[in-house]
Amino acid sequence: MFLTLRRRKNVNLVCDVLLEDIVKYVLDPYASHILRIMLEMLSGVSVPVKVSRSDITFQQQQQQQQQQQNRVKDAKLKKQVPDVFVELLHRLSAQLSREDILESCLSSDVAAPVVETLLLVSHATDSVLCQKTCRQVLKSMQENKDGKVLLDHCCDKFTSHVIQCLLMVESEDAKVAFYEQHLKSKLVDLAVHPIANFVVQTLIKHSSFDLFVLVFEELFVDIEAVLAVYHIGIISSLAETCIKFKTKQKKLLQGLMKAFHCYEPADRQTYIAPLLLTLSTYDVYFNTEENKIISTSGNDDIAATDTFQMTKLENMNLHGSVLLQKLLAFENTSSVVSSIINLSPDNLVLMACNQFGSHVIDLCMTSMTVGKKSRDAILMQFKGQYPKLAMDKYGSRTLDNLWNNSCLRQKTSIAEELATKEAQLNNHRFGKFAVRNCALHHFKHCRKDWERMQSRDTKKRKLFSDLIGDQTQGEKGNILEKKMK
């Protein structure tokens, strides 16, 4: 970073002013922003907007959600800074880490983001300084004059964000000690709390393998209580980390089946997909209290299957869709995929034409853990329904995905079905895209040219996917080489 001598003097001057009465400035709604920007500039680290702004709107949060999934990763975008800036950063850190200042900061909506910024920039620049600051923050939480224990801070609207930041930047040993001393045997209580559950989510996502196993076993015991308060983020975090470490996947799926009352008898397990997608237990989804099926002939299994086929798939849920997509990334997806395949064609269309359910179908067709036979079975279930998909806002996108992941024989079958409704599709605002993307005019009038074109597109897509795969493996190899050096 190139700065003129005059600009460096200005930076020194601003730092001196801040250090003269740092308690006043850290608690000021305007000066605290200057303090945060100063920490970023002195460290050369760009802190995410979510931390550096306190007045961000919900809509802005939604727009930036993808960029803010890993705040620590974003904070590592480091620039070279002069040595004098490093000294100033240490001076500011020393003042902000004072016990009296931390005590004031932790319970303030204005000052707490300053502590978060300090933790993030120190993590990216100086691990020793970061761990020292973490210890100071924890000590301040434990020895405060209000008589609050650390669990109270986990439930606090502002301090909980600082604890989340601590869990992101602490060393692995420090996280294990934090869990053993403060959170062990209390995770379920925190997981059902409206604020503290976010602390638990952060702990799950940033755990080492050994710590995750301990956390998982403790939460698994009462997973139904977490679902009862609709804290699906906890379950999604568990599923995501199960994928990351390739462990506990089967146990989590079994636990979810038990929580949704579809684990026993075994034939109920085929209903797991719609139950998760609607976040309804078996009893609620099938309304068993009011419409209990009693078969006089003894064919209860057949009657239950008929009810499953007739029950309309409604009230699909965003969080349920996200959780179902996580399960489709597990190493063994046979139970979940079978549940989707066993849906009636009408319910499968409802799923494909839903803004949340459509993503599940898309993932079934693209996931590496879903076999070719399962994808073929899903395509067979849609037979006779493709025009309906083409004339729906979300269904048309699902149709594109089905088309792109079909072989020439399957594409021919889809095109034959769509061609019977070509005039209707051409006059529809969404259907016309299916006519274009499937090249129905060429299909009807130049079949050989159409087949050559589809074969060429399939080869291009396969070649492109192979290149992306090779590039990804190469990047992983370079990372390994750097680590070995």
Protein backbone atom coordinates (compact mmCIF):
# COMPACT_ATOMS: atom_id res chain seq x y z
CA MET A 1 0.00 0.00 0.00
CA PHE A 2 1.60 3.28 -1.14
CA LEU A 3 0.91 6.34 1.02
CA THR A 4 2.54 9.71 0.98
CA LEU A 5 4.26 11.01 4.09
CA ARG A 6 1.50 13.56 4.60
CA ARG A 7 -1.20 10.89 4.53
CA ARG A 8 0.70 8.78 7.03
CA LYS A 9 0.89 11.77 9.35
CA ASN A 10 -2.86 12.23 9.02
CA VAL A 11 -3.40 8.59 9.95
CA ASN A 12 -1.15 9.01 12.98
CA LEU A 13 -3.09 12.11 13.97
CA VAL A 14 -6.47 10.36 13.76
CA CYS A 15 -5.15 7.43 15.80
CA ASP A 16 -3.82 9.77 18.47
CA VAL A 17 -7.20 11.48 18.73
CA LEU A 18 -8.98 8.12 19.03
CA LEU A 19 -6.56 6.87 21.67
CA GLU A 20 -6.98 10.00 23.82
CA ASP A 21 -10.56 9.09 24.76
CA ILE A 22 -11.24 5.69 23.21
CA VAL A 23 -14.11 4.90 25.61
CA LYS A 24 -16.02 7.91 24.31
CA TYR A 25 -15.42 7.13 20.65
CA VAL A 26 -16.08 3.40 20.79
CA LEU A 27 -19.55 4.04 22.23
CA ASP A 28 -20.40 6.85 19.82
CA PRO A 29 -22.71 5.81 16.94
CA TYR A 30 -20.69 7.86 14.45
CA ALA A 31 -17.13 7.75 15.75
CA SER A 32 -17.30 3.97 16.18
CA HIS A 33 -17.53 3.64 12.39
CA ILE A 34 -14.34 5.66 12.04
CA LEU A 35 -12.69 3.37 14.57
CA ARG A 36 -13.72 0.29 12.61
CA ILE A 37 -12.49 1.75 9.32
CA MET A 38 -9.22 2.65 11.03
CA LEU A 39 -8.75 -0.96 12.15
CA GLU A 40 -9.34 -2.14 8.60
CA MET A 41 -6.93 0.37 7.10
CA LEU A 42 -4.14 -0.30 9.61
CA SER A 43 -4.37 -4.04 9.03
CA GLY A 44 -4.98 -3.97 5.29
CA VAL A 45 -7.97 -6.29 5.79
CA SER A 46 -11.41 -5.71 4.27
CA VAL A 47 -14.10 -6.67 6.77
CA PRO A 48 -17.49 -7.74 5.32
CA VAL A 49 -20.27 -5.16 5.11
CA LYS A 50 -22.40 -7.07 7.61
CA VAL A 51 -19.85 -6.31 10.33
CA SER A 52 -18.89 -2.80 9.28
CA ARG A 53 -22.48 -1.51 9.03
CA SER A 54 -25.06 -1.59 11.79
CA ASP A 55 -27.96 -0.10 9.80
CA ILE A 56 -28.08 -2.68 7.01
CA THR A 57 -31.63 -3.48 5.89
CA PHE A 58 -33.13 -6.95 5.61
CA GLN A 59 -33.25 -6.69 1.82
CA GLN A 60 -29.58 -5.77 1.71
CA GLN A 61 -28.79 -8.73 3.94
CA GLN A 62 -30.59 -11.04 1.51
CA GLN A 63 -28.65 -9.62 -1.45
CA GLN A 64 -25.31 -10.04 0.32
CA GLN A 65 -26.04 -13.42 1.90
CA GLN A 66 -24.02 -15.36 -0.66
CA GLN A 67 -20.97 -13.14 -0.15
CA GLN A 68 -21.16 -13.31 3.65
CA GLN A 69 -21.43 -17.06 4.21
CA ASN A 70 -17.89 -17.16 5.56
CA ARG A 71 -16.89 -13.89 7.18
CA VAL A 72 -13.49 -15.14 8.22
CA LYS A 73 -12.66 -16.15 4.65
CA ASP A 74 -13.68 -12.71 3.38
CA ALA A 75 -11.59 -11.02 6.05
CA LYS A 76 -8.41 -12.65 4.76
CA LEU A 77 -8.23 -10.36 1.74
CA LYS A 78 -5.09 -8.70 3.07
CA LYS A 79 -3.08 -5.84 1.56
CA GLN A 80 0.49 -4.87 2.35
CA VAL A 81 0.71 -2.09 4.97
CA PRO A 82 3.64 -0.01 6.29
CA ASP A 83 5.35 -1.13 9.51
CA VAL A 84 4.16 2.00 11.29
CA PHE A 85 0.56 0.90 10.68
CA VAL A 86 1.27 -2.42 12.39
CA GLU A 87 2.49 -0.56 15.47
CA LEU A 88 -0.61 1.64 15.48
CA LEU A 89 -2.82 -1.44 15.14
CA HIS A 90 -1.19 -3.01 18.20
CA ARG A 91 -1.71 0.23 20.15
CA LEU A 92 -5.40 0.34 19.25
CA SER A 93 -5.79 -3.37 20.01
CA ALA A 94 -4.19 -2.95 23.42
CA GLN A 95 -6.59 -0.13 24.31
CA LEU A 96 -9.69 -1.90 22.98
CA SER A 97 -8.73 -5.06 24.90
CA ARG A 98 -8.77 -3.27 28.25
CA GLU A 99 -11.18 -4.84 30.71
CA ASP A 100 -13.16 -1.66 31.36
CA ILE A 101 -13.61 -0.96 27.65
CA LEU A 102 -14.63 -4.52 26.80
CA GLU A 103 -17.16 -4.49 29.60
CA SER A 104 -18.80 -1.43 28.03
CA CYS A 105 -18.51 -2.72 24.47
CA LEU A 106 -19.99 -6.17 24.82
CA SER A 107 -23.50 -5.04 25.74
CA SER A 108 -23.64 -2.18 23.24
CA ASP A 109 -25.11 -2.42 19.75
CA VAL A 110 -22.71 0.33 18.68
CA ALA A 111 -19.48 -0.94 20.25
CA ALA A 112 -19.90 -4.71 19.83
CA PRO A 113 -19.17 -4.54 16.04
CA VAL A 114 -15.90 -2.77 16.89
CA VAL A 115 -14.83 -5.82 18.91
CA GLU A 116 -15.89 -8.10 16.04
CA THR A 117 -13.84 -6.05 13.59
CA LEU A 118 -10.83 -6.20 15.91
CA LEU A 119 -11.08 -9.99 16.14
CA LEU A 120 -11.40 -10.42 12.36
CA VAL A 121 -8.51 -8.14 11.40
CA SER A 122 -6.20 -9.61 14.07
CA HIS A 123 -7.08 -13.12 12.89
CA ALA A 124 -6.02 -12.22 9.35
CA THR A 125 -2.82 -10.40 10.34
CA ASP A 126 -1.43 -11.68 13.64
CA SER A 127 -2.56 -15.00 15.13
CA VAL A 128 -0.79 -14.32 18.44
CA LEU A 129 -2.57 -10.98 18.82
CA CYS A 130 -5.86 -12.63 17.82
CA GLN A 131 -5.64 -15.37 20.46
CA LYS A 132 -4.60 -12.82 23.10
CA THR A 133 -7.62 -10.66 22.23
CA CYS A 134 -9.89 -13.73 22.36
CA ARG A 135 -8.69 -14.53 25.86
CA GLN A 136 -9.28 -10.95 26.97
CA VAL A 137 -12.81 -10.93 25.57
CA LEU A 138 -13.67 -14.24 27.26
CA LYS A 139 -12.20 -13.05 30.54
CA SER A 140 -14.30 -9.89 30.37
CA MET A 141 -17.45 -11.94 29.78
CA GLN A 142 -16.74 -14.14 32.77
CA GLU A 143 -15.77 -11.38 35.19
CA ASN A 144 -18.37 -8.71 34.46
CA LYS A 145 -20.01 -6.68 37.22
CA ASP A 146 -23.56 -7.45 36.08
CA GLY A 147 -23.27 -11.00 37.34
CA LYS A 148 -23.87 -12.48 33.89
CA VAL A 149 -22.36 -15.86 33.08
CA LEU A 150 -21.19 -16.74 29.59
CA LEU A 151 -24.45 -18.52 28.78
CA ASP A 152 -26.29 -15.26 29.40
CA HIS A 153 -24.04 -13.59 26.86
CA CYS A 154 -24.92 -16.33 24.32
CA CYS A 155 -28.57 -15.30 24.70
CA ASP A 156 -27.86 -11.58 24.39
CA LYS A 157 -28.80 -9.85 21.14
CA PHE A 158 -25.45 -8.07 20.76
CA THR A 159 -22.92 -10.12 22.72
CA SER A 160 -23.94 -13.31 20.90
CA HIS A 161 -22.49 -11.86 17.69
CA VAL A 162 -19.15 -11.37 19.44
CA ILE A 163 -19.22 -14.99 20.66
CA GLN A 164 -19.94 -16.16 17.11
CA CYS A 165 -16.95 -14.19 15.93
CA LEU A 166 -14.83 -15.75 18.71
CA LEU A 167 -15.79 -19.23 17.55
CA MET A 168 -14.76 -18.33 13.99
CA VAL A 169 -11.27 -17.10 14.86
CA GLU A 170 -10.27 -19.11 17.95
CA SER A 171 -7.72 -21.91 17.70
CA GLU A 172 -8.99 -25.50 17.69
CA ASP A 173 -7.74 -26.15 21.23
CA ALA A 174 -9.41 -22.97 22.48
CA LYS A 175 -12.73 -24.01 20.89
CA VAL A 176 -12.59 -27.41 22.59
CA ALA A 177 -11.82 -25.76 25.93
CA PHE A 178 -14.66 -23.27 25.36
CA TYR A 179 -17.08 -26.12 24.72
CA GLU A 180 -15.90 -28.21 27.68
CA GLN A 181 -16.01 -25.32 30.15
CA HIS A 182 -19.13 -23.45 29.09
CA LEU A 183 -21.35 -25.27 26.58
CA LYS A 184 -21.14 -28.97 27.38
CA SER A 185 -24.51 -30.48 28.38
CA LYS A 186 -26.20 -27.12 27.63
CA LEU A 187 -26.29 -27.20 23.83
CA VAL A 188 -29.92 -28.31 23.51
CA ASP A 189 -31.10 -25.45 25.75
CA LEU A 190 -29.09 -23.01 23.63
CA ALA A 191 -30.29 -24.60 20.38
CA VAL A 192 -33.95 -23.93 21.22
CA HIS A 193 -33.27 -20.33 22.27
CA PRO A 194 -34.27 -17.71 19.64
CA ILE A 195 -30.87 -15.96 19.81
CA ALA A 196 -28.41 -18.50 21.22
CA ASN A 197 -29.19 -21.03 18.48
CA PHE A 198 -27.06 -18.95 16.09
CA VAL A 199 -24.09 -19.42 18.43
CA VAL A 200 -24.65 -23.19 18.25
CA GLN A 201 -24.81 -23.03 14.43
CA THR A 202 -21.48 -21.21 14.34
CA LEU A 203 -19.93 -23.75 16.71
CA ILE A 204 -21.09 -26.61 14.46
CA LYS A 205 -19.80 -25.04 11.25
CA HIS A 206 -16.38 -24.15 12.68
CA SER A 207 -15.71 -27.32 14.66
CA SER A 208 -12.87 -29.75 14.11
CA PHE A 209 -13.77 -33.38 13.46
CA ASP A 210 -13.38 -34.46 17.09
CA LEU A 211 -15.32 -31.49 18.46
CA PHE A 212 -18.08 -31.97 15.90
CA VAL A 213 -18.58 -35.57 17.00
CA LEU A 214 -19.08 -34.38 20.61
CA VAL A 215 -21.47 -31.60 19.56
CA PHE A 216 -23.41 -33.91 17.24
CA GLU A 217 -23.95 -36.59 19.88
CA GLU A 218 -25.19 -34.03 22.40
CA LEU A 219 -27.67 -32.41 20.02
CA PHE A 220 -28.79 -35.69 18.46
CA VAL A 221 -30.30 -36.87 21.74
CA ASP A 222 -33.06 -34.24 21.54
CA ILE A 223 -33.17 -33.32 17.87
CA GLU A 224 -36.99 -33.32 17.90
CA ALA A 225 -37.00 -30.47 20.45
CA VAL A 226 -34.91 -28.37 18.03
CA LEU A 227 -37.31 -29.10 15.18
CA ALA A 228 -40.30 -28.33 17.40
CA VAL A 229 -39.19 -24.68 17.73
CA TYR A 230 -38.51 -24.49 13.97
CA HIS A 231 -34.75 -23.91 14.29
CA ILE A 232 -33.96 -25.68 11.03
CA GLY A 233 -30.64 -23.81 10.78
CA ILE A 234 -29.24 -26.10 13.50
CA ILE A 235 -30.21 -29.22 11.54
CA SER A 236 -28.92 -27.78 8.25
CA SER A 237 -25.59 -26.94 9.93
CA LEU A 238 -25.35 -30.50 11.25
CA ALA A 239 -26.08 -31.89 7.78
CA GLU A 240 -23.57 -29.55 6.14
CA THR A 241 -20.81 -30.55 8.57
CA CYS A 242 -21.72 -34.24 8.20
CA ILE A 243 -21.02 -33.79 4.47
CA LYS A 244 -17.78 -31.92 5.21
CA PHE A 245 -16.35 -34.64 7.48
CA LYS A 246 -18.18 -37.59 5.82
CA THR A 247 -19.44 -38.87 9.15
CA LYS A 248 -22.72 -39.35 11.08
CA GLN A 249 -24.75 -39.05 7.86
CA LYS A 250 -26.76 -42.25 8.32
CA LYS A 251 -27.39 -41.48 11.99
CA LEU A 252 -28.66 -37.96 11.22
CA LEU A 253 -31.05 -39.27 8.54
CA GLN A 254 -32.40 -41.88 10.96
CA GLY A 255 -32.82 -39.21 13.63
CA LEU A 256 -34.80 -37.03 11.22
CA MET A 257 -37.03 -39.96 10.30
CA LYS A 258 -37.74 -40.58 13.98
CA ALA A 259 -38.42 -36.89 14.59
CA PHE A 260 -40.90 -36.80 11.70
CA HIS A 261 -42.47 -40.08 12.90
CA CYS A 262 -41.66 -42.03 9.74
CA TYR A 263 -38.88 -44.36 10.92
CA GLU A 264 -41.12 -47.17 12.15
CA PRO A 265 -42.78 -49.08 10.63
CA ALA A 266 -40.15 -49.32 7.88
CA ASP A 267 -42.60 -48.66 5.02
CA ARG A 268 -43.09 -45.12 6.32
CA GLN A 269 -39.49 -44.25 5.45
CA THR A 270 -40.50 -43.73 1.82
CA TYR A 271 -42.42 -40.62 2.92
CA ILE A 272 -39.40 -38.71 4.26
CA ALA A 273 -39.06 -36.36 1.24
CA PRO A 274 -42.55 -34.76 1.35
CA LEU A 275 -42.44 -34.62 5.15
CA LEU A 276 -39.14 -32.71 5.11
CA LEU A 277 -40.24 -30.49 2.23
CA THR A 278 -43.34 -29.41 4.12
CA LEU A 279 -41.75 -29.71 7.59
CA SER A 280 -44.70 -31.80 8.74
CA THR A 281 -44.70 -34.96 10.82
CA TYR A 282 -46.29 -38.10 9.39
CA ASP A 283 -49.39 -37.62 11.55
CA VAL A 284 -49.92 -34.02 10.45
CA TYR A 285 -49.18 -34.61 6.75
CA PHE A 286 -51.61 -37.50 6.42
CA ASN A 287 -54.02 -36.14 9.04
CA THR A 288 -54.13 -39.57 10.65
CA GLU A 289 -56.27 -38.48 13.61
CA GLU A 290 -59.20 -37.50 11.40
CA ASN A 291 -58.70 -39.84 8.45
CA LYS A 292 -57.29 -42.99 9.96
CA ILE A 293 -57.38 -45.81 7.44
CA ILE A 294 -58.74 -49.11 8.63
CA SER A 295 -58.64 -51.85 6.05
CA THR A 296 -61.06 -54.68 6.72
CA SER A 297 -59.27 -56.92 4.24
CA GLY A 298 -55.97 -56.60 6.08
CA ASN A 299 -54.22 -54.72 3.23
CA ASP A 300 -53.13 -51.78 5.40
CA ASP A 301 -49.91 -51.27 3.43
CA ILE A 302 -51.81 -50.94 0.14
CA ALA A 303 -54.30 -48.52 1.69
CA ALA A 304 -51.50 -46.38 3.16
CA THR A 305 -49.75 -46.29 -0.23
CA ASP A 306 -52.95 -45.14 -1.92
CA THR A 307 -53.30 -42.35 0.65
CA PHE A 308 -49.71 -41.28 -0.02
CA GLN A 309 -50.43 -41.09 -3.75
CA MET A 310 -53.67 -39.14 -3.21
CA THR A 311 -52.39 -36.65 -0.60
CA LYS A 312 -51.67 -33.36 -2.31
CA LEU A 313 -48.19 -31.92 -1.77
CA GLU A 314 -48.84 -28.41 -0.45
CA ASN A 315 -47.17 -25.76 1.73
CA MET A 316 -43.62 -26.53 0.63
CA ASN A 317 -41.10 -24.75 2.79
CA LEU A 318 -37.84 -22.94 2.05
CA HIS A 319 -36.03 -24.39 5.07
CA GLY A 320 -37.38 -27.85 4.36
CA SER A 321 -36.14 -27.59 0.77
CA VAL A 322 -32.66 -26.52 1.91
CA LEU A 323 -32.48 -29.41 4.38
CA LEU A 324 -33.64 -31.90 1.75
CA GLN A 325 -30.96 -30.62 -0.63
CA LYS A 326 -28.32 -31.18 2.07
CA LEU A 327 -29.47 -34.79 2.46
CA LEU A 328 -29.17 -35.28 -1.32
CA ALA A 329 -25.45 -34.49 -0.96
CA PHE A 330 -24.94 -37.38 1.48
CA GLU A 331 -22.91 -40.38 0.36
CA ASN A 332 -25.99 -42.64 0.51
CA THR A 333 -29.09 -40.95 -0.88
CA SER A 334 -31.16 -44.05 -1.68
CA SER A 335 -33.84 -43.42 0.98
CA VAL A 336 -34.39 -39.79 0.02
CA VAL A 337 -34.31 -40.39 -3.73
CA SER A 338 -36.69 -43.35 -3.45
CA SER A 339 -39.08 -41.14 -1.52
CA ILE A 340 -39.06 -38.58 -4.35
CA ILE A 341 -39.50 -41.25 -7.03
CA ASN A 342 -42.48 -42.73 -5.13
CA LEU A 343 -44.39 -39.45 -5.32
CA SER A 344 -47.36 -39.46 -7.65
CA PRO A 345 -46.81 -37.73 -11.02
CA ASP A 346 -49.16 -34.92 -9.96
CA ASN A 347 -47.23 -34.29 -6.74
CA LEU A 348 -43.94 -34.46 -8.61
CA VAL A 349 -45.22 -31.75 -10.96
CA LEU A 350 -46.31 -29.66 -7.95
CA MET A 351 -42.79 -29.99 -6.57
CA ALA A 352 -41.16 -29.09 -9.88
CA CYS A 353 -43.44 -26.05 -10.28
CA ASN A 354 -42.77 -24.74 -6.77
CA GLN A 355 -40.14 -22.08 -6.09
CA PHE A 356 -38.67 -24.21 -3.27
CA GLY A 357 -39.39 -27.75 -4.47
CA SER A 358 -37.95 -27.15 -7.94
CA HIS A 359 -34.43 -26.87 -6.49
CA VAL A 360 -34.76 -30.38 -5.07
CA ILE A 361 -35.57 -31.82 -8.51
CA ASP A 362 -32.66 -29.86 -10.00
CA LEU A 363 -30.25 -31.33 -7.46
CA CYS A 364 -31.55 -34.85 -8.07
CA MET A 365 -30.53 -34.48 -11.71
CA THR A 366 -27.09 -32.97 -11.06
CA SER A 367 -25.87 -34.47 -7.77
CA MET A 368 -22.92 -36.86 -8.07
CA THR A 369 -24.40 -39.01 -5.29
CA VAL A 370 -27.65 -39.71 -7.21
CA GLY A 371 -27.26 -42.63 -9.59
CA LYS A 372 -28.19 -42.72 -13.28
CA LYS A 373 -30.99 -45.25 -12.67
CA SER A 374 -32.58 -42.92 -10.12
CA ARG A 375 -32.40 -39.98 -12.54
CA ASP A 376 -33.97 -42.13 -15.27
CA ALA A 377 -36.76 -43.11 -12.86
CA ILE A 378 -37.49 -39.45 -12.11
CA LEU A 379 -37.68 -38.69 -15.85
CA MET A 380 -40.10 -41.59 -16.28
CA GLN A 381 -42.32 -40.18 -13.53
CA PHE A 382 -42.58 -36.91 -15.47
CA LYS A 383 -43.73 -38.66 -18.64
CA GLY A 384 -46.97 -37.06 -19.82
CA GLN A 385 -46.38 -33.99 -17.66
CA TYR A 386 -43.76 -32.07 -19.65
CA PRO A 387 -46.18 -29.55 -21.26
CA LYS A 388 -47.39 -28.64 -17.76
CA LEU A 389 -43.83 -27.99 -16.69
CA ALA A 390 -43.10 -25.92 -19.77
CA MET A 391 -46.01 -23.55 -19.07
CA ASP A 392 -45.04 -22.74 -15.49
CA LYS A 393 -42.61 -20.10 -14.23
CA TYR A 394 -40.57 -22.50 -12.07
CA GLY A 395 -41.49 -25.65 -13.96
CA SER A 396 -39.97 -24.31 -17.17
CA ARG A 397 -36.61 -23.93 -15.40
CA THR A 398 -36.93 -27.46 -14.03
CA LEU A 399 -37.66 -28.69 -17.56
CA ASP A 400 -34.46 -27.04 -18.80
CA ASN A 401 -32.51 -28.91 -16.12
CA LEU A 402 -34.18 -32.22 -16.96
CA TRP A 403 -33.41 -31.64 -20.63
CA ASN A 404 -29.76 -30.80 -20.06
CA ASN A 405 -29.25 -33.99 -18.03
CA SER A 406 -31.03 -36.35 -20.42
CA CYS A 407 -29.58 -38.67 -23.04
CA LEU A 408 -30.62 -38.50 -26.72
CA ARG A 409 -33.29 -41.19 -26.29
CA GLN A 410 -34.85 -39.33 -23.36
CA LYS A 411 -34.67 -35.98 -25.17
CA THR A 412 -36.47 -37.54 -28.12
CA SER A 413 -39.26 -38.73 -25.84
CA ILE A 414 -39.57 -35.27 -24.22
CA ALA A 415 -39.56 -33.51 -27.60
CA GLU A 416 -42.25 -35.84 -28.99
CA GLU A 417 -44.47 -34.98 -26.04
CA LEU A 418 -43.86 -31.23 -26.33
CA ALA A 419 -44.33 -31.24 -30.09
CA THR A 420 -47.98 -32.23 -29.69
CA LYS A 421 -48.55 -28.92 -27.85
CA GLU A 422 -46.22 -26.73 -29.94
CA ALA A 423 -48.88 -24.18 -30.93
CA GLN A 424 -50.05 -23.80 -27.34
CA LEU A 425 -46.49 -23.51 -26.08
CA ASN A 426 -45.60 -20.88 -28.69
CA ASN A 427 -48.40 -18.66 -27.41
CA HIS A 428 -47.43 -19.03 -23.76
CA ARG A 429 -45.05 -16.62 -21.99
CA PHE A 430 -42.98 -19.48 -20.52
CA GLY A 431 -43.81 -22.27 -22.97
CA LYS A 432 -42.12 -20.49 -25.88
CA PHE A 433 -38.74 -20.97 -24.16
CA ALA A 434 -39.23 -24.75 -24.20
CA VAL A 435 -39.97 -24.61 -27.94
CA ARG A 436 -36.73 -22.72 -28.51
CA ASN A 437 -34.49 -24.65 -26.10
CA CYS A 438 -35.71 -28.04 -27.30
CA ALA A 439 -35.54 -26.94 -30.96
CA LEU A 440 -38.98 -28.37 -31.69
CA HIS A 441 -39.11 -26.93 -35.22
CA HIS A 442 -35.94 -28.86 -36.18
CA PHE A 443 -37.27 -31.91 -34.36
CA LYS A 444 -40.42 -31.99 -36.46
CA HIS A 445 -38.93 -31.06 -39.83
CA CYS A 446 -35.21 -31.99 -39.75
CA ARG A 447 -34.95 -34.94 -37.36
CA LYS A 448 -31.41 -36.01 -38.38
CA ASP A 449 -30.06 -32.48 -38.06
CA TRP A 450 -31.78 -32.21 -34.67
CA GLU A 451 -30.16 -35.45 -33.48
CA ARG A 452 -26.71 -34.30 -34.63
CA MET A 453 -27.22 -30.97 -32.90
CA GLN A 454 -28.28 -32.62 -29.62
CA SER A 455 -25.37 -35.08 -29.74
CA ARG A 456 -22.96 -32.20 -30.32
CA ASP A 457 -24.41 -30.22 -27.42
CA THR A 458 -24.16 -33.25 -25.13
CA LYS A 459 -20.49 -33.76 -26.04
CA LYS A 460 -19.74 -30.08 -25.47
CA ARG A 461 -21.42 -30.15 -22.08
CA LYS A 462 -19.53 -33.29 -21.06
CA LEU A 463 -16.21 -31.83 -22.25
CA PHE A 464 -16.88 -28.61 -20.37
CA SER A 465 -17.73 -30.48 -17.16
CA ASP A 466 -14.54 -32.56 -17.52
CA LEU A 467 -12.47 -29.39 -17.94
CA ILE A 468 -14.06 -27.84 -14.84
CA GLY A 469 -13.37 -31.04 -12.91
CA ASP A 470 -9.73 -31.13 -14.03
CA GLN A 471 -9.29 -27.47 -13.16
CA THR A 472 -10.73 -28.04 -9.68
CA GLN A 473 -8.43 -31.00 -9.10
CA GLY A 474 -5.47 -28.93 -10.31
CA GLU A 475 -6.29 -26.15 -7.88
CA LYS A 476 -6.49 -28.68 -5.05
CA GLY A 477 -3.13 -30.10 -6.11
CA ASN A 478 -1.54 -26.62 -6.08
CA ILE A 479 -2.89 -26.02 -2.58
CA LEU A 480 -1.43 -29.33 -1.39
CA GLU A 481 1.92 -28.49 -2.99
CA LYS A 482 2.01 -25.12 -1.22
CA LYS A 483 1.22 -26.80 2.10
CA MET A 484 4.01 -29.35 1.56
CA LYS A 485 6.49 -26.57 0.79
